Amino acid sequence: MDRLSEEGAYNELQGYTLTLRDPAFIHQHVVDAWMAQHADETTKPIGLAFALIGLYLHLEKGLTGREVQLAHMALGRSRKEWPRFTLPSDRGSLTAADVMEKPPGLERRRAIDDWASSVWSAFGDSHGAVAGLVKEYEAEIRR
């Protein structure tokens, strides 16, 4: 397969994960990884905060995409002013295009996790703040 443009690969990956209709809803990890990897100074704080919270809940706490989606919904009801996170210059070594180069099935699922992990690692300076947000809103997330 020719190397797809990154945005084209993301769009194709979204379509792929949505058609899976899997109970774990891995689509959520794709959305969170993309948002964190492509956030800029114009990104609304809630967008990056939710992406980082989603990556944290999945990679550090083992939540499925469906569980992360439910946590996002609960957090959205709780509102607050979400913090701005420092944007690292390096956002991870993997991209949606790398994921799409993997064959559908287990290899692509693993690639999604590898991509999410790569992006999460790039935000290492924010890990403590994200964990603090999750702790602060733990009651809402568990509802």
C-alpha atoms as a PDB file:
ATOM      1  CA  MET A   1       0.000   0.000   0.000  1.00  0.00           C
ATOM      2  CA  ASP A   2       1.285   3.478  -0.806  1.00  0.00           C
ATOM      3  CA  ARG A   3       1.903   5.645   2.208  1.00  0.00           C
ATOM      4  CA  LEU A   4      -1.348   7.493   2.746  1.00  0.00           C
ATOM      5  CA  SER A   5      -1.505  11.097   3.737  1.00  0.00           C
ATOM      6  CA  GLU A   6      -1.802  11.235   7.489  1.00  0.00           C
ATOM      7  CA  GLU A   7      -5.276  12.749   7.443  1.00  0.00           C
ATOM      8  CA  GLY A   8      -6.430  10.323   4.782  1.00  0.00           C
ATOM      9  CA  ALA A   9      -5.087   7.452   6.857  1.00  0.00           C
ATOM     10  CA  TYR A  10      -6.923   8.774   9.912  1.00  0.00           C
ATOM     11  CA  ASN A  11     -10.188   9.003   7.988  1.00  0.00           C
ATOM     12  CA  GLU A  12      -9.729   5.479   6.670  1.00  0.00           C
ATOM     13  CA  LEU A  13      -8.857   4.211  10.147  1.00  0.00           C
ATOM     14  CA  GLN A  14     -11.959   5.836  11.614  1.00  0.00           C
ATOM     15  CA  GLY A  15     -14.108   4.080   9.043  1.00  0.00           C
ATOM     16  CA  TYR A  16     -12.392   0.789   9.778  1.00  0.00           C
ATOM     17  CA  THR A  17     -12.842   0.997  13.559  1.00  0.00           C
ATOM     18  CA  LEU A  18     -16.451   2.147  13.317  1.00  0.00           C
ATOM     19  CA  THR A  19     -17.416  -0.761  11.078  1.00  0.00           C
ATOM     20  CA  LEU A  20     -15.972  -3.265  13.568  1.00  0.00           C
ATOM     21  CA  ARG A  21     -18.849  -2.660  15.954  1.00  0.00           C
ATOM     22  CA  ASP A  22     -16.706  -4.221  18.639  1.00  0.00           C
ATOM     23  CA  PRO A  23     -17.861  -4.077  22.259  1.00  0.00           C
ATOM     24  CA  ALA A  24     -14.477  -2.682  23.338  1.00  0.00           C
ATOM     25  CA  PHE A  25     -14.960   0.276  20.947  1.00  0.00           C
ATOM     26  CA  ILE A  26     -11.312   0.713  19.937  1.00  0.00           C
ATOM     27  CA  HIS A  27     -12.455   3.664  17.841  1.00  0.00           C
ATOM     28  CA  GLN A  28     -12.188   5.798  20.990  1.00  0.00           C
ATOM     29  CA  HIS A  29      -8.438   5.191  21.210  1.00  0.00           C
ATOM     30  CA  VAL A  30      -8.045   6.280  17.590  1.00  0.00           C
ATOM     31  CA  VAL A  31      -9.895   9.545  18.253  1.00  0.00           C
ATOM     32  CA  ASP A  32      -7.911  10.249  21.432  1.00  0.00           C
ATOM     33  CA  ALA A  33      -4.529   9.490  19.847  1.00  0.00           C
ATOM     34  CA  TRP A  34      -5.313  11.680  16.837  1.00  0.00           C
ATOM     35  CA  MET A  35      -6.541  14.603  18.938  1.00  0.00           C
ATOM     36  CA  ALA A  36      -3.497  14.579  21.219  1.00  0.00           C
ATOM     37  CA  GLN A  37      -1.081  14.131  18.335  1.00  0.00           C
ATOM     38  CA  HIS A  38      -2.572  16.982  16.300  1.00  0.00           C
ATOM     39  CA  ALA A  39      -3.593  19.487  18.982  1.00  0.00           C
ATOM     40  CA  ASP A  40      -2.274  22.999  18.512  1.00  0.00           C
ATOM     41  CA  GLU A  41      -2.653  26.390  20.165  1.00  0.00           C
ATOM     42  CA  THR A  42      -6.174  26.743  18.722  1.00  0.00           C
ATOM     43  CA  THR A  43      -7.412  23.417  20.131  1.00  0.00           C
ATOM     44  CA  LYS A  44     -10.005  23.879  22.852  1.00  0.00           C
ATOM     45  CA  PRO A  45      -8.669  22.818  26.259  1.00  0.00           C
ATOM     46  CA  ILE A  46     -11.470  20.268  26.689  1.00  0.00           C
ATOM     47  CA  GLY A  47     -10.425  18.479  23.484  1.00  0.00           C
ATOM     48  CA  LEU A  48      -6.842  17.878  24.533  1.00  0.00           C
ATOM     49  CA  ALA A  49      -7.768  17.211  28.169  1.00  0.00           C
ATOM     50  CA  PHE A  50     -10.264  14.535  27.160  1.00  0.00           C
ATOM     51  CA  ALA A  51      -7.815  12.982  24.691  1.00  0.00           C
ATOM     52  CA  LEU A  52      -5.098  12.760  27.326  1.00  0.00           C
ATOM     53  CA  ILE A  53      -7.533  11.477  29.938  1.00  0.00           C
ATOM     54  CA  GLY A  54      -8.685   8.845  27.446  1.00  0.00           C
ATOM     55  CA  LEU A  55      -5.132   7.735  26.723  1.00  0.00           C
ATOM     56  CA  TYR A  56      -4.361   7.614  30.443  1.00  0.00           C
ATOM     57  CA  LEU A  57      -7.458   5.592  31.284  1.00  0.00           C
ATOM     58  CA  HIS A  58      -6.736   3.112  28.511  1.00  0.00           C
ATOM     59  CA  LEU A  59      -2.974   2.734  28.781  1.00  0.00           C
ATOM     60  CA  GLU A  60      -2.439   3.218  32.511  1.00  0.00           C
ATOM     61  CA  LYS A  61      -5.722   1.920  33.920  1.00  0.00           C
ATOM     62  CA  GLY A  62      -6.676  -0.685  31.310  1.00  0.00           C
ATOM     63  CA  LEU A  63     -10.086   0.721  30.372  1.00  0.00           C
ATOM     64  CA  THR A  64     -11.676  -0.239  27.071  1.00  0.00           C
ATOM     65  CA  GLY A  65     -12.674   2.344  24.520  1.00  0.00           C
ATOM     66  CA  ARG A  66     -16.304   1.979  25.598  1.00  0.00           C
ATOM     67  CA  GLU A  67     -15.350   2.628  29.223  1.00  0.00           C
ATOM     68  CA  VAL A  68     -13.292   5.649  28.171  1.00  0.00           C
ATOM     69  CA  GLN A  69     -16.235   6.942  26.127  1.00  0.00           C
ATOM     70  CA  LEU A  70     -18.500   6.639  29.179  1.00  0.00           C
ATOM     71  CA  ALA A  71     -15.901   8.448  31.298  1.00  0.00           C
ATOM     72  CA  HIS A  72     -15.775  11.270  28.733  1.00  0.00           C
ATOM     73  CA  MET A  73     -19.570  11.541  28.855  1.00  0.00           C
ATOM     74  CA  ALA A  74     -19.535  11.713  32.664  1.00  0.00           C
ATOM     75  CA  LEU A  75     -16.764  14.312  32.656  1.00  0.00           C
ATOM     76  CA  GLY A  76     -18.661  16.377  30.102  1.00  0.00           C
ATOM     77  CA  ARG A  77     -21.589  16.612  32.523  1.00  0.00           C
ATOM     78  CA  SER A  78     -19.369  17.665  35.412  1.00  0.00           C
ATOM     79  CA  ARG A  79     -17.889  20.657  33.736  1.00  0.00           C
ATOM     80  CA  LYS A  80     -15.149  22.746  34.762  1.00  0.00           C
ATOM     81  CA  GLU A  81     -12.620  24.885  33.069  1.00  0.00           C
ATOM     82  CA  TRP A  82     -10.195  22.391  31.612  1.00  0.00           C
ATOM     83  CA  PRO A  83      -6.479  23.104  31.898  1.00  0.00           C
ATOM     84  CA  ARG A  84      -4.238  23.842  28.952  1.00  0.00           C
ATOM     85  CA  PHE A  85      -1.487  21.301  28.541  1.00  0.00           C
ATOM     86  CA  THR A  86       1.958  22.021  27.194  1.00  0.00           C
ATOM     87  CA  LEU A  87       2.263  20.750  23.651  1.00  0.00           C
ATOM     88  CA  PRO A  88       5.461  18.764  23.177  1.00  0.00           C
ATOM     89  CA  SER A  89       7.311  19.313  19.915  1.00  0.00           C
ATOM     90  CA  ASP A  90       7.506  15.538  19.369  1.00  0.00           C
ATOM     91  CA  ARG A  91       4.093  13.878  19.458  1.00  0.00           C
ATOM     92  CA  GLY A  92       5.212  10.292  19.075  1.00  0.00           C
ATOM     93  CA  SER A  93       6.956   8.270  16.429  1.00  0.00           C
ATOM     94  CA  LEU A  94       3.871   6.497  15.076  1.00  0.00           C
ATOM     95  CA  THR A  95       0.941   7.919  13.112  1.00  0.00           C
ATOM     96  CA  ALA A  96      -2.404   6.820  11.746  1.00  0.00           C
ATOM     97  CA  ALA A  97      -0.615   6.037   8.475  1.00  0.00           C
ATOM     98  CA  ASP A  98       1.614   3.539  10.301  1.00  0.00           C
ATOM     99  CA  VAL A  99      -1.476   1.882  11.757  1.00  0.00           C
ATOM    100  CA  MET A 100      -3.151   1.609   8.360  1.00  0.00           C
ATOM    101  CA  GLU A 101      -0.088  -0.136   6.947  1.00  0.00           C
ATOM    102  CA  LYS A 102      -0.873  -3.090   9.215  1.00  0.00           C
ATOM    103  CA  PRO A 103      -3.294  -5.745   7.997  1.00  0.00           C
ATOM    104  CA  PRO A 104      -6.829  -5.625   9.409  1.00  0.00           C
ATOM    105  CA  GLY A 105      -7.435  -7.664  12.512  1.00  0.00           C
ATOM    106  CA  LEU A 106      -5.166  -8.295  15.451  1.00  0.00           C
ATOM    107  CA  GLU A 107      -2.086  -6.615  13.932  1.00  0.00           C
ATOM    108  CA  ARG A 108      -3.990  -3.391  13.299  1.00  0.00           C
ATOM    109  CA  ARG A 109      -5.529  -3.493  16.783  1.00  0.00           C
ATOM    110  CA  ARG A 110      -2.059  -3.817  18.267  1.00  0.00           C
ATOM    111  CA  ALA A 111      -0.847  -0.975  16.066  1.00  0.00           C
ATOM    112  CA  ILE A 112      -3.628   1.250  17.419  1.00  0.00           C
ATOM    113  CA  ASP A 113      -2.404   0.587  20.960  1.00  0.00           C
ATOM    114  CA  ASP A 114       1.210   1.142  19.897  1.00  0.00           C
ATOM    115  CA  TRP A 115       0.228   4.474  18.319  1.00  0.00           C
ATOM    116  CA  ALA A 116      -1.746   5.523  21.401  1.00  0.00           C
ATOM    117  CA  SER A 117       1.193   4.562  23.617  1.00  0.00           C
ATOM    118  CA  SER A 118       3.614   6.529  21.429  1.00  0.00           C
ATOM    119  CA  VAL A 119       1.450   9.651  21.694  1.00  0.00           C
ATOM    120  CA  TRP A 120       0.876   9.197  25.433  1.00  0.00           C
ATOM    121  CA  SER A 121       4.628   8.836  26.010  1.00  0.00           C
ATOM    122  CA  ALA A 122       5.261  12.072  24.118  1.00  0.00           C
ATOM    123  CA  PHE A 123       3.128  13.893  26.697  1.00  0.00           C
ATOM    124  CA  GLY A 124       5.241  12.544  29.565  1.00  0.00           C
ATOM    125  CA  ASP A 125       5.518  15.955  31.216  1.00  0.00           C
ATOM    126  CA  SER A 126       1.716  16.032  31.539  1.00  0.00           C
ATOM    127  CA  HIS A 127       1.203  12.549  32.992  1.00  0.00           C
ATOM    128  CA  GLY A 128       1.021  13.764  36.594  1.00  0.00           C
ATOM    129  CA  ALA A 129      -1.485  16.503  35.775  1.00  0.00           C
ATOM    130  CA  VAL A 130      -3.681  14.090  33.820  1.00  0.00           C
ATOM    131  CA  ALA A 131      -3.605  11.536  36.645  1.00  0.00           C
ATOM    132  CA  GLY A 132      -4.552  14.353  39.036  1.00  0.00           C
ATOM    133  CA  LEU A 133      -7.546  15.294  36.900  1.00  0.00           C
ATOM    134  CA  VAL A 134      -8.728  11.703  36.831  1.00  0.00           C
ATOM    135  CA  LYS A 135      -8.351  11.458  40.602  1.00  0.00           C
ATOM    136  CA  GLU A 136     -10.225  14.743  41.076  1.00  0.00           C
ATOM    137  CA  TYR A 137     -13.137  13.505  38.960  1.00  0.00           C
ATOM    138  CA  GLU A 138     -12.989   9.847  39.940  1.00  0.00           C
ATOM    139  CA  ALA A 139     -16.496   9.879  41.414  1.00  0.00           C
ATOM    140  CA  GLU A 140     -17.990  11.225  38.178  1.00  0.00           C
ATOM    141  CA  ILE A 141     -16.021   8.772  36.034  1.00  0.00           C
ATOM    142  CA  ARG A 142     -17.236   5.766  38.036  1.00  0.00           C
ATOM    143  CA  ARG A 143     -20.919   6.680  37.756  1.00  0.00           C
END
